[in-house]
Amino acid sequence: MSTPPEPAQRVLALAGLIPPGNVSTYGEVGKAAGVSARQVGSVMRQWGSQVPWWRVIKADGTSHDYERAKAKWEAEGLVLRGRAVRMDLCGLDHRDLENLARK
């Protein structure tokens, strides 16, 4: 597997910082990494297996791979409403991610 370019490395580093029991959206990860939400999706599609991919989700709290993500979410105690993570209880925004990156 090729080495990800620097912007992708920023995305992966931020995704790797999301603590168990929390999630963030493609858009919020993108804001913190300085790339678009679409770019975050591309990075996660290509290299996401290197990080806890199930913690980066769509803005509506759902996953592109619900069946695989659901088991991970349940194991981490994420609160769900139907097929979506309760973002108000478990979601991190770009400021939270930037703070985690500074630690």
PDB file of N, CA and C in Angstrom:
ATOM      1  N   MET A   1       0.848  -1.189   0.000  1.00  0.00           N
ATOM      2  CA  MET A   1       0.000   0.000   0.000  1.00  0.00           C
ATOM      3  C   MET A   1       0.884   1.240   0.000  1.00  0.00           C
ATOM      4  N   SER A   2       0.518   2.223  -0.799  1.00  0.00           N
ATOM      5  CA  SER A   2       1.311   3.439  -0.905  1.00  0.00           C
ATOM      6  C   SER A   2       1.182   4.298   0.352  1.00  0.00           C
ATOM      7  N   THR A   3       2.165   5.146   0.544  1.00  0.00           N
ATOM      8  CA  THR A   3       2.130   6.084   1.666  1.00  0.00           C
ATOM      9  C   THR A   3       1.162   7.209   1.314  1.00  0.00           C
ATOM     10  N   PRO A   4       0.254   7.534   2.209  1.00  0.00           N
ATOM     11  CA  PRO A   4      -0.691   8.607   1.919  1.00  0.00           C
ATOM     12  C   PRO A   4       0.018   9.958   1.803  1.00  0.00           C
ATOM     13  N   PRO A   5      -0.469  10.855   0.935  1.00  0.00           N
ATOM     14  CA  PRO A   5       0.097  12.195   0.868  1.00  0.00           C
ATOM     15  C   PRO A   5      -0.168  12.963   2.166  1.00  0.00           C
ATOM     16  N   GLU A   6       0.522  14.056   2.345  1.00  0.00           N
ATOM     17  CA  GLU A   6       0.462  14.797   3.610  1.00  0.00           C
ATOM     18  C   GLU A   6      -0.955  15.187   4.024  1.00  0.00           C
ATOM     19  N   PRO A   7      -1.807  15.724   3.152  1.00  0.00           N
ATOM     20  CA  PRO A   7      -3.173  16.027   3.603  1.00  0.00           C
ATOM     21  C   PRO A   7      -3.920  14.786   4.110  1.00  0.00           C
ATOM     22  N   ALA A   8      -3.724  13.666   3.454  1.00  0.00           N
ATOM     23  CA  ALA A   8      -4.355  12.418   3.894  1.00  0.00           C
ATOM     24  C   ALA A   8      -3.797  11.977   5.239  1.00  0.00           C
ATOM     25  N   GLN A   9      -2.517  12.185   5.452  1.00  0.00           N
ATOM     26  CA  GLN A   9      -1.917  11.840   6.741  1.00  0.00           C
ATOM     27  C   GLN A   9      -2.535  12.670   7.868  1.00  0.00           C
ATOM     28  N   ARG A  10      -2.835  13.952   7.588  1.00  0.00           N
ATOM     29  CA  ARG A  10      -3.500  14.802   8.596  1.00  0.00           C
ATOM     30  C   ARG A  10      -4.882  14.241   8.923  1.00  0.00           C
ATOM     31  N   VAL A  11      -5.627  13.858   7.894  1.00  0.00           N
ATOM     32  CA  VAL A  11      -6.963  13.289   8.101  1.00  0.00           C
ATOM     33  C   VAL A  11      -6.873  12.019   8.943  1.00  0.00           C
ATOM     34  N   LEU A  12      -5.969  11.139   8.590  1.00  0.00           N
ATOM     35  CA  LEU A  12      -5.824   9.870   9.316  1.00  0.00           C
ATOM     36  C   LEU A  12      -5.376  10.102  10.750  1.00  0.00           C
ATOM     37  N   ALA A  13      -4.480  11.066  10.950  1.00  0.00           N
ATOM     38  CA  ALA A  13      -4.028  11.368  12.314  1.00  0.00           C
ATOM     39  C   ALA A  13      -5.189  11.855  13.165  1.00  0.00           C
ATOM     40  N   LEU A  14      -6.013  12.739  12.620  1.00  0.00           N
ATOM     41  CA  LEU A  14      -7.171  13.237  13.363  1.00  0.00           C
ATOM     42  C   LEU A  14      -8.176  12.130  13.631  1.00  0.00           C
ATOM     43  N   ALA A  15      -8.454  11.306  12.644  1.00  0.00           N
ATOM     44  CA  ALA A  15      -9.386  10.190  12.840  1.00  0.00           C
ATOM     45  C   ALA A  15      -8.873   9.264  13.942  1.00  0.00           C
ATOM     46  N   GLY A  16      -7.566   9.075  13.991  1.00  0.00           N
ATOM     47  CA  GLY A  16      -6.975   8.214  15.013  1.00  0.00           C
ATOM     48  C   GLY A  16      -7.048   8.790  16.409  1.00  0.00           C
ATOM     49  N   LEU A  17      -7.277  10.089  16.520  1.00  0.00           N
ATOM     50  CA  LEU A  17      -7.367  10.741  17.828  1.00  0.00           C
ATOM     51  C   LEU A  17      -8.767  10.708  18.434  1.00  0.00           C
ATOM     52  N   ILE A  18      -9.760  10.384  17.639  1.00  0.00           N
ATOM     53  CA  ILE A  18     -11.135  10.354  18.151  1.00  0.00           C
ATOM     54  C   ILE A  18     -11.237   9.230  19.178  1.00  0.00           C
ATOM     55  N   PRO A  19     -11.551   9.583  20.429  1.00  0.00           N
ATOM     56  CA  PRO A  19     -11.564   8.560  21.486  1.00  0.00           C
ATOM     57  C   PRO A  19     -12.719   7.566  21.337  1.00  0.00           C
ATOM     58  N   PRO A  20     -12.541   6.371  21.862  1.00  0.00           N
ATOM     59  CA  PRO A  20     -13.653   5.414  21.890  1.00  0.00           C
ATOM     60  C   PRO A  20     -14.874   6.066  22.543  1.00  0.00           C
ATOM     61  N   GLY A  21     -16.043   5.776  22.002  1.00  0.00           N
ATOM     62  CA  GLY A  21     -17.267   6.354  22.542  1.00  0.00           C
ATOM     63  C   GLY A  21     -17.610   7.695  21.929  1.00  0.00           C
ATOM     64  N   ASN A  22     -16.795   8.153  20.988  1.00  0.00           N
ATOM     65  CA  ASN A  22     -17.043   9.411  20.292  1.00  0.00           C
ATOM     66  C   ASN A  22     -16.966   9.194  18.789  1.00  0.00           C
ATOM     67  N   VAL A  23     -17.542  10.137  18.055  1.00  0.00           N
ATOM     68  CA  VAL A  23     -17.466  10.154  16.597  1.00  0.00           C
ATOM     69  C   VAL A  23     -17.263  11.597  16.153  1.00  0.00           C
ATOM     70  N   SER A  24     -16.909  11.756  14.904  1.00  0.00           N
ATOM     71  CA  SER A  24     -16.896  13.070  14.272  1.00  0.00           C
ATOM     72  C   SER A  24     -17.337  12.875  12.827  1.00  0.00           C
ATOM     73  N   THR A  25     -17.705  13.958  12.187  1.00  0.00           N
ATOM     74  CA  THR A  25     -18.200  13.869  10.815  1.00  0.00           C
ATOM     75  C   THR A  25     -17.077  14.119   9.819  1.00  0.00           C
ATOM     76  N   TYR A  26     -17.346  13.718   8.586  1.00  0.00           N
ATOM     77  CA  TYR A  26     -16.401  13.990   7.505  1.00  0.00           C
ATOM     78  C   TYR A  26     -16.102  15.486   7.435  1.00  0.00           C
ATOM     79  N   GLY A  27     -17.134  16.304   7.577  1.00  0.00           N
ATOM     80  CA  GLY A  27     -16.964  17.751   7.499  1.00  0.00           C
ATOM     81  C   GLY A  27     -16.125  18.315   8.617  1.00  0.00           C
ATOM     82  N   GLU A  28     -16.356  17.852   9.844  1.00  0.00           N
ATOM     83  CA  GLU A  28     -15.594  18.367  10.990  1.00  0.00           C
ATOM     84  C   GLU A  28     -14.137  17.918  10.936  1.00  0.00           C
ATOM     85  N   VAL A  29     -13.903  16.673  10.527  1.00  0.00           N
ATOM     86  CA  VAL A  29     -12.527  16.203  10.349  1.00  0.00           C
ATOM     87  C   VAL A  29     -11.858  17.030   9.253  1.00  0.00           C
ATOM     88  N   GLY A  30     -12.610  17.299   8.187  1.00  0.00           N
ATOM     89  CA  GLY A  30     -12.075  18.107   7.097  1.00  0.00           C
ATOM     90  C   GLY A  30     -11.702  19.509   7.544  1.00  0.00           C
ATOM     91  N   LYS A  31     -12.574  20.151   8.325  1.00  0.00           N
ATOM     92  CA  LYS A  31     -12.261  21.494   8.831  1.00  0.00           C
ATOM     93  C   LYS A  31     -10.976  21.482   9.632  1.00  0.00           C
ATOM     94  N   ALA A  32     -10.827  20.499  10.499  1.00  0.00           N
ATOM     95  CA  ALA A  32      -9.622  20.419  11.339  1.00  0.00           C
ATOM     96  C   ALA A  32      -8.380  20.093  10.520  1.00  0.00           C
ATOM     97  N   ALA A  33      -8.544  19.346   9.431  1.00  0.00           N
ATOM     98  CA  ALA A  33      -7.396  18.930   8.607  1.00  0.00           C
ATOM     99  C   ALA A  33      -7.109  19.898   7.463  1.00  0.00           C
ATOM    100  N   GLY A  34      -8.021  20.838   7.221  1.00  0.00           N
ATOM    101  CA  GLY A  34      -7.831  21.785   6.137  1.00  0.00           C
ATOM    102  C   GLY A  34      -8.156  21.230   4.763  1.00  0.00           C
ATOM    103  N   VAL A  35      -9.094  20.286   4.711  1.00  0.00           N
ATOM    104  CA  VAL A  35      -9.523  19.696   3.445  1.00  0.00           C
ATOM    105  C   VAL A  35     -11.048  19.619   3.433  1.00  0.00           C
ATOM    106  N   SER A  36     -11.623  19.271   2.294  1.00  0.00           N
ATOM    107  CA  SER A  36     -13.083  19.166   2.198  1.00  0.00           C
ATOM    108  C   SER A  36     -13.591  17.844   2.773  1.00  0.00           C
ATOM    109  N   ALA A  37     -14.885  17.831   3.062  1.00  0.00           N
ATOM    110  CA  ALA A  37     -15.513  16.599   3.539  1.00  0.00           C
ATOM    111  C   ALA A  37     -15.365  15.487   2.500  1.00  0.00           C
ATOM    112  N   ARG A  38     -15.479  15.835   1.220  1.00  0.00           N
ATOM    113  CA  ARG A  38     -15.311  14.834   0.156  1.00  0.00           C
ATOM    114  C   ARG A  38     -13.905  14.248   0.175  1.00  0.00           C
ATOM    115  N   GLN A  39     -12.914  15.098   0.419  1.00  0.00           N
ATOM    116  CA  GLN A  39     -11.538  14.598   0.496  1.00  0.00           C
ATOM    117  C   GLN A  39     -11.379  13.648   1.678  1.00  0.00           C
ATOM    118  N   VAL A  40     -12.022  13.970   2.800  1.00  0.00           N
ATOM    119  CA  VAL A  40     -11.975  13.069   3.952  1.00  0.00           C
ATOM    120  C   VAL A  40     -12.573  11.726   3.562  1.00  0.00           C
ATOM    121  N   GLY A  41     -13.691  11.739   2.858  1.00  0.00           N
ATOM    122  CA  GLY A  41     -14.303  10.490   2.406  1.00  0.00           C
ATOM    123  C   GLY A  41     -13.375   9.683   1.519  1.00  0.00           C
ATOM    124  N   SER A  42     -12.684  10.366   0.623  1.00  0.00           N
ATOM    125  CA  SER A  42     -11.731   9.670  -0.261  1.00  0.00           C
ATOM    126  C   SER A  42     -10.583   9.067   0.532  1.00  0.00           C
ATOM    127  N   VAL A  43     -10.073   9.825   1.492  1.00  0.00           N
ATOM    128  CA  VAL A  43      -8.970   9.330   2.334  1.00  0.00           C
ATOM    129  C   VAL A  43      -9.436   8.117   3.130  1.00  0.00           C
ATOM    130  N   MET A  44     -10.617   8.213   3.711  1.00  0.00           N
ATOM    131  CA  MET A  44     -11.117   7.101   4.522  1.00  0.00           C
ATOM    132  C   MET A  44     -11.384   5.877   3.664  1.00  0.00           C
ATOM    133  N   ARG A  45     -11.854   6.082   2.438  1.00  0.00           N
ATOM    134  CA  ARG A  45     -12.105   4.953   1.539  1.00  0.00           C
ATOM    135  C   ARG A  45     -10.794   4.249   1.185  1.00  0.00           C
ATOM    136  N   GLN A  46      -9.738   5.038   0.953  1.00  0.00           N
ATOM    137  CA  GLN A  46      -8.474   4.455   0.510  1.00  0.00           C
ATOM    138  C   GLN A  46      -7.612   3.932   1.663  1.00  0.00           C
ATOM    139  N   TRP A  47      -7.547   4.685   2.775  1.00  0.00           N
ATOM    140  CA  TRP A  47      -6.623   4.335   3.857  1.00  0.00           C
ATOM    141  C   TRP A  47      -7.299   4.182   5.216  1.00  0.00           C
ATOM    142  N   GLY A  48      -8.620   4.259   5.279  1.00  0.00           N
ATOM    143  CA  GLY A  48      -9.333   4.258   6.554  1.00  0.00           C
ATOM    144  C   GLY A  48      -9.146   3.021   7.409  1.00  0.00           C
ATOM    145  N   SER A  49      -8.753   1.920   6.800  1.00  0.00           N
ATOM    146  CA  SER A  49      -8.554   0.703   7.592  1.00  0.00           C
ATOM    147  C   SER A  49      -7.393   0.849   8.572  1.00  0.00           C
ATOM    148  N   GLN A  50      -6.570   1.879   8.404  1.00  0.00           N
ATOM    149  CA  GLN A  50      -5.428   2.114   9.292  1.00  0.00           C
ATOM    150  C   GLN A  50      -5.843   2.785  10.604  1.00  0.00           C
ATOM    151  N   VAL A  51      -7.083   3.282  10.669  1.00  0.00           N
ATOM    152  CA  VAL A  51      -7.573   4.034  11.836  1.00  0.00           C
ATOM    153  C   VAL A  51      -8.966   3.535  12.201  1.00  0.00           C
ATOM    154  N   PRO A  52      -9.514   3.972  13.340  1.00  0.00           N
ATOM    155  CA  PRO A  52     -10.884   3.561  13.700  1.00  0.00           C
ATOM    156  C   PRO A  52     -11.912   4.264  12.798  1.00  0.00           C
ATOM    157  N   TRP A  53     -12.074   3.743  11.604  1.00  0.00           N
ATOM    158  CA  TRP A  53     -12.909   4.339  10.555  1.00  0.00           C
ATOM    159  C   TRP A  53     -14.355   4.543  10.977  1.00  0.00           C
ATOM    160  N   TRP A  54     -14.859   3.708  11.864  1.00  0.00           N
ATOM    161  CA  TRP A  54     -16.264   3.771  12.287  1.00  0.00           C
ATOM    162  C   TRP A  54     -16.554   5.018  13.115  1.00  0.00           C
ATOM    163  N   ARG A  55     -15.508   5.737  13.514  1.00  0.00           N
ATOM    164  CA  ARG A  55     -15.698   6.970  14.281  1.00  0.00           C
ATOM    165  C   ARG A  55     -15.799   8.207  13.389  1.00  0.00           C
ATOM    166  N   VAL A  56     -15.663   8.046  12.087  1.00  0.00           N
ATOM    167  CA  VAL A  56     -15.840   9.152  11.134  1.00  0.00           C
ATOM    168  C   VAL A  56     -17.093   8.831  10.328  1.00  0.00           C
ATOM    169  N   ILE A  57     -18.116   9.674  10.518  1.00  0.00           N
ATOM    170  CA  ILE A  57     -19.435   9.357   9.967  1.00  0.00           C
ATOM    171  C   ILE A  57     -20.032  10.548   9.228  1.00  0.00           C
ATOM    172  N   LYS A  58     -21.188  10.303   8.625  1.00  0.00           N
ATOM    173  CA  LYS A  58     -21.892  11.361   7.906  1.00  0.00           C
ATOM    174  C   LYS A  58     -22.517  12.338   8.905  1.00  0.00           C
ATOM    175  N   ALA A  59     -22.819  13.545   8.422  1.00  0.00           N
ATOM    176  CA  ALA A  59     -23.366  14.602   9.280  1.00  0.00           C
ATOM    177  C   ALA A  59     -24.680  14.210   9.951  1.00  0.00           C
ATOM    178  N   ASP A  60     -25.426  13.293   9.347  1.00  0.00           N
ATOM    179  CA  ASP A  60     -26.691  12.864   9.952  1.00  0.00           C
ATOM    180  C   ASP A  60     -26.506  11.754  10.979  1.00  0.00           C
ATOM    181  N   GLY A  61     -25.252  11.413  11.294  1.00  0.00           N
ATOM    182  CA  GLY A  61     -24.975  10.406  12.311  1.00  0.00           C
ATOM    183  C   GLY A  61     -24.939   8.983  11.801  1.00  0.00           C
ATOM    184  N   THR A  62     -25.066   8.805  10.491  1.00  0.00           N
ATOM    185  CA  THR A  62     -25.072   7.460   9.931  1.00  0.00           C
ATOM    186  C   THR A  62     -23.720   7.124   9.308  1.00  0.00           C
ATOM    187  N   SER A  63     -23.549   5.859   9.006  1.00  0.00           N
ATOM    188  CA  SER A  63     -22.316   5.366   8.404  1.00  0.00           C
ATOM    189  C   SER A  63     -22.586   4.838   6.999  1.00  0.00           C
ATOM    190  N   HIS A  64     -21.565   4.896   6.163  1.00  0.00           N
ATOM    191  CA  HIS A  64     -21.672   4.289   4.831  1.00  0.00           C
ATOM    192  C   HIS A  64     -21.674   2.766   4.932  1.00  0.00           C
ATOM    193  N   ASP A  65     -21.259   2.244   6.080  1.00  0.00           N
ATOM    194  CA  ASP A  65     -21.209   0.789   6.273  1.00  0.00           C
ATOM    195  C   ASP A  65     -21.833   0.459   7.631  1.00  0.00           C
ATOM    196  N   TYR A  66     -23.133   0.704   7.728  1.00  0.00           N
ATOM    197  CA  TYR A  66     -23.834   0.556   8.997  1.00  0.00           C
ATOM    198  C   TYR A  66     -23.647  -0.808   9.639  1.00  0.00           C
ATOM    199  N   GLU A  67     -23.752  -1.868   8.868  1.00  0.00           N
ATOM    200  CA  GLU A  67     -23.689  -3.209   9.452  1.00  0.00           C
ATOM    201  C   GLU A  67     -22.363  -3.445  10.167  1.00  0.00           C
ATOM    202  N   ARG A  68     -21.262  -3.039   9.573  1.00  0.00           N
ATOM    203  CA  ARG A  68     -19.951  -3.213  10.219  1.00  0.00           C
ATOM    204  C   ARG A  68     -19.750  -2.201  11.338  1.00  0.00           C
ATOM    205  N   ALA A  69     -20.205  -0.983  11.143  1.00  0.00           N
ATOM    206  CA  ALA A  69     -20.016   0.068  12.142  1.00  0.00           C
ATOM    207  C   ALA A  69     -20.837  -0.192  13.402  1.00  0.00           C
ATOM    208  N   LYS A  70     -22.037  -0.727  13.232  1.00  0.00           N
ATOM    209  CA  LYS A  70     -22.945  -0.922  14.370  1.00  0.00           C
ATOM    210  C   LYS A  70     -22.299  -1.740  15.485  1.00  0.00           C
ATOM    211  N   ALA A  71     -21.634  -2.814  15.157  1.00  0.00           N
ATOM    212  CA  ALA A  71     -20.990  -3.646  16.180  1.00  0.00           C
ATOM    213  C   ALA A  71     -19.901  -2.863  16.914  1.00  0.00           C
ATOM    214  N   LYS A  72     -19.143  -2.063  16.166  1.00  0.00           N
ATOM    215  CA  LYS A  72     -18.091  -1.241  16.778  1.00  0.00           C
ATOM    216  C   LYS A  72     -18.715  -0.185  17.686  1.00  0.00           C
ATOM    217  N   TRP A  73     -19.772   0.471  17.201  1.00  0.00           N
ATOM    218  CA  TRP A  73     -20.438   1.494  18.002  1.00  0.00           C
ATOM    219  C   TRP A  73     -20.988   0.907  19.295  1.00  0.00           C
ATOM    220  N   GLU A  74     -21.633  -0.243  19.187  1.00  0.00           N
ATOM    221  CA  GLU A  74     -22.208  -0.875  20.384  1.00  0.00           C
ATOM    222  C   GLU A  74     -21.116  -1.270  21.367  1.00  0.00           C
ATOM    223  N   ALA A  75     -20.009  -1.788  20.863  1.00  0.00           N
ATOM    224  CA  ALA A  75     -18.891  -2.177  21.732  1.00  0.00           C
ATOM    225  C   ALA A  75     -18.313  -0.975  22.480  1.00  0.00           C
ATOM    226  N   GLU A  76     -18.385   0.206  21.868  1.00  0.00           N
ATOM    227  CA  GLU A  76     -17.847   1.416  22.495  1.00  0.00           C
ATOM    228  C   GLU A  76     -18.898   2.175  23.298  1.00  0.00           C
ATOM    229  N   GLY A  77     -20.127   1.689  23.310  1.00  0.00           N
ATOM    230  CA  GLY A  77     -21.173   2.327  24.097  1.00  0.00           C
ATOM    231  C   GLY A  77     -21.763   3.583  23.490  1.00  0.00           C
ATOM    232  N   LEU A  78     -21.631   3.747  22.180  1.00  0.00           N
ATOM    233  CA  LEU A  78     -22.228   4.921  21.531  1.00  0.00           C
ATOM    234  C   LEU A  78     -23.749   4.840  21.617  1.00  0.00           C
ATOM    235  N   VAL A  79     -24.378   5.975  21.829  1.00  0.00           N
ATOM    236  CA  VAL A  79     -25.827   6.039  21.922  1.00  0.00           C
ATOM    237  C   VAL A  79     -26.392   6.219  20.521  1.00  0.00           C
ATOM    238  N   LEU A  80     -27.304   5.317  20.147  1.00  0.00           N
ATOM    239  CA  LEU A  80     -27.893   5.352  18.821  1.00  0.00           C
ATOM    240  C   LEU A  80     -29.357   5.757  18.888  1.00  0.00           C
ATOM    241  N   ARG A  81     -29.812   6.370  17.809  1.00  0.00           N
ATOM    242  CA  ARG A  81     -31.238   6.617  17.589  1.00  0.00           C
ATOM    243  C   ARG A  81     -31.525   6.001  16.236  1.00  0.00           C
ATOM    244  N   GLY A  82     -32.148   4.847  16.241  1.00  0.00           N
ATOM    245  CA  GLY A  82     -32.348   4.112  14.992  1.00  0.00           C
ATOM    246  C   GLY A  82     -30.989   3.663  14.456  1.00  0.00           C
ATOM    247  N   ARG A  83     -30.693   4.036  13.217  1.00  0.00           N
ATOM    248  CA  ARG A  83     -29.427   3.650  12.575  1.00  0.00           C
ATOM    249  C   ARG A  83     -28.382   4.762  12.669  1.00  0.00           C
ATOM    250  N   ALA A  84     -28.626   5.756  13.515  1.00  0.00           N
ATOM    251  CA  ALA A  84     -27.727   6.905  13.603  1.00  0.00           C
ATOM    252  C   ALA A  84     -27.167   7.070  15.012  1.00  0.00           C
ATOM    253  N   VAL A  85     -25.938   7.559  15.072  1.00  0.00           N
ATOM    254  CA  VAL A  85     -25.310   7.906  16.349  1.00  0.00           C
ATOM    255  C   VAL A  85     -25.919   9.213  16.831  1.00  0.00           C
ATOM    256  N   ARG A  86     -26.174   9.308  18.113  1.00  0.00           N
ATOM    257  CA  ARG A  86     -26.660  10.559  18.710  1.00  0.00           C
ATOM    258  C   ARG A  86     -25.492  11.547  18.759  1.00  0.00           C
ATOM    259  N   MET A  87     -25.425  12.406  17.756  1.00  0.00           N
ATOM    260  CA  MET A  87     -24.325  13.367  17.642  1.00  0.00           C
ATOM    261  C   MET A  87     -24.293  14.332  18.824  1.00  0.00           C
ATOM    262  N   ASP A  88     -25.471  14.664  19.369  1.00  0.00           N
ATOM    263  CA  ASP A  88     -25.513  15.590  20.495  1.00  0.00           C
ATOM    264  C   ASP A  88     -24.858  15.004  21.742  1.00  0.00           C
ATOM    265  N   LEU A  89     -24.770  13.688  21.816  1.00  0.00           N
ATOM    266  CA  LEU A  89     -24.161  13.028  22.978  1.00  0.00           C
ATOM    267  C   LEU A  89     -22.745  12.521  22.706  1.00  0.00           C
ATOM    268  N   CYS A  90     -22.436  12.198  21.460  1.00  0.00           N
ATOM    269  CA  CYS A  90     -21.181  11.506  21.143  1.00  0.00           C
ATOM    270  C   CYS A  90     -20.300  12.242  20.134  1.00  0.00           C
ATOM    271  N   GLY A  91     -20.809  13.313  19.530  1.00  0.00           N
ATOM    272  CA  GLY A  91     -20.097  13.956  18.437  1.00  0.00           C
ATOM    273  C   GLY A  91     -19.041  14.961  18.876  1.00  0.00           C
ATOM    274  N   LEU A  92     -17.940  14.979  18.155  1.00  0.00           N
ATOM    275  CA  LEU A  92     -16.876  15.961  18.346  1.00  0.00           C
ATOM    276  C   LEU A  92     -16.839  16.878  17.130  1.00  0.00           C
ATOM    277  N   ASP A  93     -16.637  18.188  17.375  1.00  0.00           N
ATOM    278  CA  ASP A  93     -16.519  19.102  16.247  1.00  0.00           C
ATOM    279  C   ASP A  93     -15.046  19.396  15.967  1.00  0.00           C
ATOM    280  N   HIS A  94     -14.784  20.248  14.979  1.00  0.00           N
ATOM    281  CA  HIS A  94     -13.402  20.516  14.581  1.00  0.00           C
ATOM    282  C   HIS A  94     -12.579  21.123  15.712  1.00  0.00           C
ATOM    283  N   ARG A  95     -13.202  21.908  16.579  1.00  0.00           N
ATOM    284  CA  ARG A  95     -12.454  22.486  17.720  1.00  0.00           C
ATOM    285  C   ARG A  95     -12.010  21.387  18.682  1.00  0.00           C
ATOM    286  N   ASP A  96     -12.905  20.431  18.931  1.00  0.00           N
ATOM    287  CA  ASP A  96     -12.539  19.297  19.789  1.00  0.00           C
ATOM    288  C   ASP A  96     -11.365  18.533  19.185  1.00  0.00           C
ATOM    289  N   LEU A  97     -11.414  18.296  17.881  1.00  0.00           N
ATOM    290  CA  LEU A  97     -10.342  17.556  17.206  1.00  0.00           C
ATOM    291  C   LEU A  97      -9.020  18.329  17.262  1.00  0.00           C
ATOM    292  N   GLU A  98      -9.104  19.639  17.043  1.00  0.00           N
ATOM    293  CA  GLU A  98      -7.889  20.465  17.113  1.00  0.00           C
ATOM    294  C   GLU A  98      -7.295  20.427  18.509  1.00  0.00           C
ATOM    295  N   ASN A  99      -8.148  20.442  19.536  1.00  0.00           N
ATOM    296  CA  ASN A  99      -7.659  20.347  20.915  1.00  0.00           C
ATOM    297  C   ASN A  99      -6.989  18.995  21.166  1.00  0.00           C
ATOM    298  N   LEU A 100      -7.580  17.927  20.677  1.00  0.00           N
ATOM    299  CA  LEU A 100      -6.976  16.601  20.824  1.00  0.00           C
ATOM    300  C   LEU A 100      -5.618  16.552  20.127  1.00  0.00           C
ATOM    301  N   ALA A 101      -5.504  17.208  18.986  1.00  0.00           N
ATOM    302  CA  ALA A 101      -4.257  17.186  18.221  1.00  0.00           C
ATOM    303  C   ALA A 101      -3.150  17.967  18.932  1.00  0.00           C
ATOM    304  N   ARG A 102      -3.533  18.942  19.750  1.00  0.00           N
ATOM    305  CA  ARG A 102      -2.533  19.751  20.469  1.00  0.00           C
ATOM    306  C   ARG A 102      -1.969  19.027  21.695  1.00  0.00           C
ATOM    307  N   LYS A 103      -2.652  18.007  22.164  1.00  0.00           N
ATOM    308  CA  LYS A 103      -2.222  17.308  23.386  1.00  0.00           C
ATOM    309  C   LYS A 103      -0.989  16.470  23.138  1.00  0.00           C
TER     310      LYS A 103
END
